[in-house]
Amino acid sequence: MNASIALMGLLLLGLLGLVLYAPKVGEHKRDAKVRALAKMSRHARRHNTVVRYHNGVPFVVTHQRRGLVYMLEGRNVSRERLVRALGHGGEAVVSKVEQEEAMTAPNPTHLTLLS
């Protein structure tokens, strides 16, 4: 008799814990996505560009001294990884964005004017 009461108590406690903990599991994934989007937004603003979307996937392409830098899910990735993540039409979208970023890139020539 006491064993069944203890078992019922543990079952009830487990069920209560599950009900209280289950909603927080989904929140962690949402919070991670929001943090990644905020990181990409800061990166884009710092480099005078915007966060772009293709097929619902946010990404950033910036032109820096070391060349073009691709950011996806808050992390720097390779061009190939970005194209794969964007899916159908990703290659065309990335090429278009690269052209736009190349137009706003600083001129790399260094001229010294003697007066």
N, C-alpha and C. Protein backbone atom coordinates (compact mmCIF):
# COMPACT_ATOMS: atom_id res chain seq x y z
N MET A 1 0.82 -1.19 0.00
CA MET A 1 0.00 0.00 0.00
C MET A 1 0.87 1.26 0.00
N ASN A 2 1.86 1.31 0.88
CA ASN A 2 2.74 2.48 0.96
C ASN A 2 3.56 2.66 -0.30
N ALA A 3 3.92 1.53 -0.93
CA ALA A 3 4.71 1.59 -2.16
C ALA A 3 3.88 2.21 -3.29
N SER A 4 2.60 1.85 -3.36
CA SER A 4 1.76 2.40 -4.42
C SER A 4 1.50 3.89 -4.20
N ILE A 5 1.39 4.32 -2.96
CA ILE A 5 1.20 5.75 -2.66
C ILE A 5 2.46 6.52 -3.02
N ALA A 6 3.61 5.95 -2.70
CA ALA A 6 4.87 6.59 -3.03
C ALA A 6 5.04 6.67 -4.55
N LEU A 7 4.67 5.58 -5.25
CA LEU A 7 4.76 5.56 -6.71
C LEU A 7 3.84 6.61 -7.33
N MET A 8 2.62 6.71 -6.80
CA MET A 8 1.68 7.73 -7.30
C MET A 8 2.19 9.14 -7.04
N GLY A 9 2.81 9.34 -5.88
CA GLY A 9 3.38 10.65 -5.55
C GLY A 9 4.51 11.01 -6.50
N LEU A 10 5.39 10.04 -6.80
CA LEU A 10 6.48 10.28 -7.75
C LEU A 10 5.95 10.55 -9.15
N LEU A 11 4.94 9.81 -9.55
CA LEU A 11 4.33 10.01 -10.86
C LEU A 11 3.71 11.40 -10.96
N LEU A 12 3.01 11.80 -9.92
CA LEU A 12 2.40 13.13 -9.89
C LEU A 12 3.47 14.22 -9.91
N LEU A 13 4.52 14.03 -9.15
CA LEU A 13 5.62 14.99 -9.12
C LEU A 13 6.30 15.09 -10.49
N GLY A 14 6.49 13.94 -11.13
CA GLY A 14 7.09 13.92 -12.47
C GLY A 14 6.21 14.62 -13.49
N LEU A 15 4.93 14.39 -13.42
CA LEU A 15 3.98 15.03 -14.33
C LEU A 15 3.96 16.54 -14.11
N LEU A 16 3.98 16.96 -12.86
CA LEU A 16 4.00 18.39 -12.55
C LEU A 16 5.29 19.04 -13.07
N GLY A 17 6.41 18.36 -12.89
CA GLY A 17 7.68 18.87 -13.39
C GLY A 17 7.69 18.99 -14.90
N LEU A 18 7.10 18.01 -15.58
CA LEU A 18 7.02 18.04 -17.03
C LEU A 18 6.15 19.20 -17.52
N VAL A 19 5.04 19.41 -16.85
CA VAL A 19 4.14 20.51 -17.23
C VAL A 19 4.82 21.86 -17.05
N LEU A 20 5.61 22.01 -16.00
CA LEU A 20 6.27 23.28 -15.74
C LEU A 20 7.52 23.47 -16.60
N TYR A 21 8.21 22.38 -16.96
CA TYR A 21 9.47 22.49 -17.68
C TYR A 21 9.30 22.49 -19.20
N ALA A 22 8.31 21.81 -19.73
CA ALA A 22 8.13 21.63 -21.17
C ALA A 22 8.07 22.95 -21.95
N PRO A 23 7.34 23.97 -21.51
CA PRO A 23 7.30 25.21 -22.30
C PRO A 23 8.67 25.90 -22.39
N LYS A 24 9.53 25.70 -21.42
CA LYS A 24 10.84 26.35 -21.44
C LYS A 24 11.78 25.76 -22.48
N VAL A 25 11.54 24.53 -22.91
CA VAL A 25 12.39 23.88 -23.92
C VAL A 25 12.28 24.65 -25.24
N GLY A 26 11.08 25.00 -25.64
CA GLY A 26 10.89 25.75 -26.88
C GLY A 26 11.40 27.17 -26.78
N GLU A 27 11.34 27.75 -25.60
CA GLU A 27 11.81 29.12 -25.42
C GLU A 27 13.31 29.22 -25.66
N HIS A 28 14.05 28.19 -25.28
CA HIS A 28 15.51 28.23 -25.45
C HIS A 28 15.87 28.33 -26.93
N LYS A 29 15.18 27.57 -27.78
CA LYS A 29 15.46 27.62 -29.22
C LYS A 29 15.08 28.98 -29.79
N ARG A 30 13.93 29.51 -29.36
CA ARG A 30 13.52 30.84 -29.84
C ARG A 30 14.51 31.90 -29.39
N ASP A 31 14.93 31.84 -28.13
CA ASP A 31 15.89 32.81 -27.62
C ASP A 31 17.20 32.75 -28.38
N ALA A 32 17.65 31.55 -28.72
CA ALA A 32 18.89 31.40 -29.48
C ALA A 32 18.75 32.04 -30.86
N LYS A 33 17.60 31.87 -31.49
CA LYS A 33 17.39 32.48 -32.82
C LYS A 33 17.34 34.00 -32.71
N VAL A 34 16.72 34.50 -31.68
CA VAL A 34 16.65 35.96 -31.49
C VAL A 34 18.04 36.52 -31.22
N ARG A 35 18.83 35.83 -30.40
CA ARG A 35 20.20 36.29 -30.13
C ARG A 35 21.04 36.28 -31.40
N ALA A 36 20.89 35.26 -32.23
CA ALA A 36 21.64 35.18 -33.48
C ALA A 36 21.23 36.31 -34.42
N LEU A 37 19.94 36.60 -34.49
CA LEU A 37 19.46 37.69 -35.35
C LEU A 37 19.97 39.04 -34.84
N ALA A 38 20.00 39.23 -33.52
CA ALA A 38 20.52 40.48 -32.96
C ALA A 38 22.01 40.62 -33.26
N LYS A 39 22.75 39.53 -33.18
CA LYS A 39 24.18 39.58 -33.49
C LYS A 39 24.41 39.94 -34.96
N MET A 40 23.61 39.35 -35.85
CA MET A 40 23.74 39.67 -37.27
C MET A 40 23.34 41.12 -37.55
N SER A 41 22.34 41.60 -36.85
CA SER A 41 21.90 42.98 -37.03
C SER A 41 22.99 43.96 -36.60
N ARG A 42 23.62 43.70 -35.45
CA ARG A 42 24.73 44.56 -35.00
C ARG A 42 25.88 44.52 -35.99
N HIS A 43 26.20 43.33 -36.48
CA HIS A 43 27.29 43.18 -37.45
C HIS A 43 26.98 43.97 -38.73
N ALA A 44 25.73 43.88 -39.18
CA ALA A 44 25.32 44.59 -40.40
C ALA A 44 25.39 46.10 -40.21
N ARG A 45 24.89 46.58 -39.08
CA ARG A 45 24.93 48.03 -38.83
C ARG A 45 26.37 48.53 -38.73
N ARG A 46 27.22 47.75 -38.09
CA ARG A 46 28.63 48.13 -37.94
C ARG A 46 29.32 48.28 -39.30
N HIS A 47 28.87 47.46 -40.27
CA HIS A 47 29.49 47.49 -41.60
C HIS A 47 28.60 48.15 -42.65
N ASN A 48 27.65 48.95 -42.18
CA ASN A 48 26.82 49.78 -43.04
C ASN A 48 26.07 48.96 -44.11
N THR A 49 25.44 47.91 -43.68
CA THR A 49 24.60 47.11 -44.57
C THR A 49 23.38 46.63 -43.78
N VAL A 50 22.62 45.71 -44.34
CA VAL A 50 21.38 45.27 -43.69
C VAL A 50 21.34 43.74 -43.61
N VAL A 51 20.45 43.24 -42.77
CA VAL A 51 20.17 41.81 -42.72
C VAL A 51 19.20 41.51 -43.85
N ARG A 52 19.56 40.56 -44.68
CA ARG A 52 18.72 40.20 -45.81
C ARG A 52 18.05 38.85 -45.53
N TYR A 53 16.94 38.60 -46.21
CA TYR A 53 16.21 37.34 -46.06
C TYR A 53 16.01 36.70 -47.43
N HIS A 54 16.14 35.37 -47.47
CA HIS A 54 15.79 34.59 -48.66
C HIS A 54 15.16 33.29 -48.18
N ASN A 55 13.97 33.00 -48.63
CA ASN A 55 13.22 31.81 -48.19
C ASN A 55 13.08 31.78 -46.67
N GLY A 56 12.96 32.94 -46.05
CA GLY A 56 12.79 33.01 -44.60
C GLY A 56 14.06 32.84 -43.80
N VAL A 57 15.21 32.78 -44.47
CA VAL A 57 16.49 32.60 -43.79
C VAL A 57 17.23 33.94 -43.76
N PRO A 58 17.50 34.48 -42.56
CA PRO A 58 18.24 35.73 -42.49
C PRO A 58 19.74 35.49 -42.68
N PHE A 59 20.39 36.42 -43.40
CA PHE A 59 21.84 36.33 -43.61
C PHE A 59 22.40 37.72 -43.84
N VAL A 60 23.73 37.84 -43.69
CA VAL A 60 24.40 39.12 -43.88
C VAL A 60 25.65 38.86 -44.72
N VAL A 61 25.89 39.72 -45.70
CA VAL A 61 27.13 39.70 -46.47
C VAL A 61 27.75 41.08 -46.32
N THR A 62 28.99 41.12 -45.85
CA THR A 62 29.69 42.40 -45.68
C THR A 62 31.01 42.36 -46.41
N HIS A 63 31.45 43.53 -46.80
CA HIS A 63 32.75 43.66 -47.46
C HIS A 63 33.72 44.23 -46.43
N GLN A 64 34.75 43.46 -46.12
CA GLN A 64 35.75 43.90 -45.15
C GLN A 64 37.13 43.87 -45.79
N ARG A 65 38.13 44.22 -45.03
CA ARG A 65 39.50 44.25 -45.59
C ARG A 65 39.93 42.90 -46.13
N ARG A 66 39.50 41.83 -45.47
CA ARG A 66 39.91 40.50 -45.93
C ARG A 66 39.01 39.97 -47.04
N GLY A 67 38.10 40.77 -47.52
CA GLY A 67 37.19 40.38 -48.60
C GLY A 67 35.76 40.28 -48.11
N LEU A 68 34.97 39.51 -48.82
CA LEU A 68 33.57 39.36 -48.45
C LEU A 68 33.45 38.39 -47.28
N VAL A 69 32.60 38.75 -46.31
CA VAL A 69 32.37 37.93 -45.13
C VAL A 69 30.88 37.58 -45.11
N TYR A 70 30.60 36.30 -44.91
CA TYR A 70 29.22 35.80 -44.93
C TYR A 70 28.83 35.39 -43.52
N MET A 71 27.63 35.79 -43.08
CA MET A 71 27.17 35.47 -41.74
C MET A 71 25.78 34.83 -41.84
N LEU A 72 25.65 33.70 -41.12
CA LEU A 72 24.40 32.95 -41.09
C LEU A 72 24.21 32.43 -39.68
N GLU A 73 23.02 32.61 -39.13
CA GLU A 73 22.70 32.14 -37.77
C GLU A 73 23.67 32.69 -36.73
N GLY A 74 24.14 33.92 -36.95
CA GLY A 74 25.02 34.57 -35.97
C GLY A 74 26.46 34.13 -36.05
N ARG A 75 26.82 33.30 -37.04
CA ARG A 75 28.20 32.82 -37.17
C ARG A 75 28.73 33.11 -38.56
N ASN A 76 30.02 33.35 -38.66
CA ASN A 76 30.66 33.50 -39.96
C ASN A 76 30.73 32.12 -40.63
N VAL A 77 30.33 32.09 -41.88
CA VAL A 77 30.32 30.83 -42.63
C VAL A 77 30.98 31.05 -43.99
N SER A 78 31.24 29.95 -44.68
CA SER A 78 31.80 30.05 -46.03
C SER A 78 30.68 30.40 -47.01
N ARG A 79 31.09 30.82 -48.19
CA ARG A 79 30.11 31.15 -49.23
C ARG A 79 29.29 29.92 -49.60
N GLU A 80 29.97 28.78 -49.71
CA GLU A 80 29.29 27.55 -50.09
C GLU A 80 28.23 27.16 -49.06
N ARG A 81 28.56 27.32 -47.79
CA ARG A 81 27.61 26.99 -46.71
C ARG A 81 26.38 27.90 -46.78
N LEU A 82 26.62 29.19 -47.07
CA LEU A 82 25.51 30.13 -47.18
C LEU A 82 24.60 29.77 -48.35
N VAL A 83 25.19 29.45 -49.50
CA VAL A 83 24.39 29.10 -50.69
C VAL A 83 23.56 27.85 -50.41
N ARG A 84 24.15 26.84 -49.74
CA ARG A 84 23.41 25.63 -49.40
C ARG A 84 22.25 25.94 -48.46
N ALA A 85 22.50 26.81 -47.47
CA ALA A 85 21.46 27.12 -46.48
C ALA A 85 20.30 27.91 -47.11
N LEU A 86 20.58 28.71 -48.11
CA LEU A 86 19.53 29.51 -48.74
C LEU A 86 18.64 28.67 -49.65
N GLY A 87 19.15 27.53 -50.09
CA GLY A 87 18.32 26.63 -50.89
C GLY A 87 18.19 27.07 -52.33
N HIS A 88 17.02 26.81 -52.90
CA HIS A 88 16.76 27.08 -54.31
C HIS A 88 16.93 28.57 -54.61
N GLY A 89 17.75 28.89 -55.60
CA GLY A 89 17.99 30.29 -55.98
C GLY A 89 19.01 30.98 -55.10
N GLY A 90 19.64 30.25 -54.21
CA GLY A 90 20.60 30.86 -53.29
C GLY A 90 21.83 31.42 -53.98
N GLU A 91 22.30 30.73 -55.00
CA GLU A 91 23.49 31.18 -55.73
C GLU A 91 23.24 32.54 -56.37
N ALA A 92 22.09 32.72 -57.00
CA ALA A 92 21.76 33.99 -57.66
C ALA A 92 21.63 35.11 -56.63
N VAL A 93 21.01 34.81 -55.49
CA VAL A 93 20.82 35.82 -54.45
C VAL A 93 22.17 36.26 -53.89
N VAL A 94 23.04 35.30 -53.60
CA VAL A 94 24.36 35.62 -53.04
C VAL A 94 25.18 36.43 -54.04
N SER A 95 25.13 36.06 -55.33
CA SER A 95 25.86 36.82 -56.36
C SER A 95 25.37 38.26 -56.44
N LYS A 96 24.05 38.44 -56.38
CA LYS A 96 23.48 39.79 -56.44
C LYS A 96 23.92 40.63 -55.24
N VAL A 97 23.88 40.01 -54.05
CA VAL A 97 24.28 40.73 -52.84
C VAL A 97 25.77 41.07 -52.88
N GLU A 98 26.58 40.15 -53.40
CA GLU A 98 28.02 40.43 -53.52
C GLU A 98 28.28 41.61 -54.44
N GLN A 99 27.53 41.70 -55.53
CA GLN A 99 27.68 42.84 -56.43
C GLN A 99 27.29 44.14 -55.75
N GLU A 100 26.20 44.11 -54.98
CA GLU A 100 25.77 45.31 -54.25
C GLU A 100 26.82 45.73 -53.24
N GLU A 101 27.38 44.77 -52.51
CA GLU A 101 28.39 45.09 -51.51
C GLU A 101 29.68 45.59 -52.15
N ALA A 102 30.01 45.06 -53.34
CA ALA A 102 31.23 45.50 -54.03
C ALA A 102 31.12 46.97 -54.45
N MET A 103 29.90 47.42 -54.73
CA MET A 103 29.72 48.83 -55.14
C MET A 103 29.95 49.78 -53.97
N THR A 104 29.67 49.33 -52.76
CA THR A 104 29.83 50.21 -51.60
C THR A 104 31.17 50.00 -50.90
N ALA A 105 31.98 49.08 -51.40
CA ALA A 105 33.27 48.81 -50.76
C ALA A 105 34.22 49.98 -50.97
N PRO A 106 35.12 50.22 -50.03
CA PRO A 106 36.09 51.30 -50.21
C PRO A 106 37.07 50.95 -51.32
N ASN A 107 37.58 51.98 -51.93
CA ASN A 107 38.55 51.80 -53.00
C ASN A 107 39.88 51.36 -52.40
N PRO A 108 40.40 50.20 -52.81
CA PRO A 108 41.62 49.69 -52.16
C PRO A 108 42.91 50.36 -52.63
N THR A 109 42.85 51.23 -53.64
CA THR A 109 44.08 51.86 -54.09
C THR A 109 44.54 52.92 -53.10
N HIS A 110 45.82 52.98 -52.89
CA HIS A 110 46.39 53.96 -51.96
C HIS A 110 47.28 54.90 -52.78
N LEU A 111 46.86 56.12 -52.89
CA LEU A 111 47.63 57.12 -53.63
C LEU A 111 48.20 58.14 -52.66
N THR A 112 49.43 58.47 -52.89
CA THR A 112 50.05 59.51 -52.10
C THR A 112 50.23 60.72 -53.00
N LEU A 113 49.60 61.81 -52.61
CA LEU A 113 49.72 63.04 -53.39
C LEU A 113 50.81 63.91 -52.78
N LEU A 114 51.75 64.28 -53.61
CA LEU A 114 52.82 65.15 -53.15
C LEU A 114 52.45 66.59 -53.46
N SER A 115 52.68 67.46 -52.53
CA SER A 115 52.32 68.84 -52.79
C SER A 115 53.55 69.71 -52.90
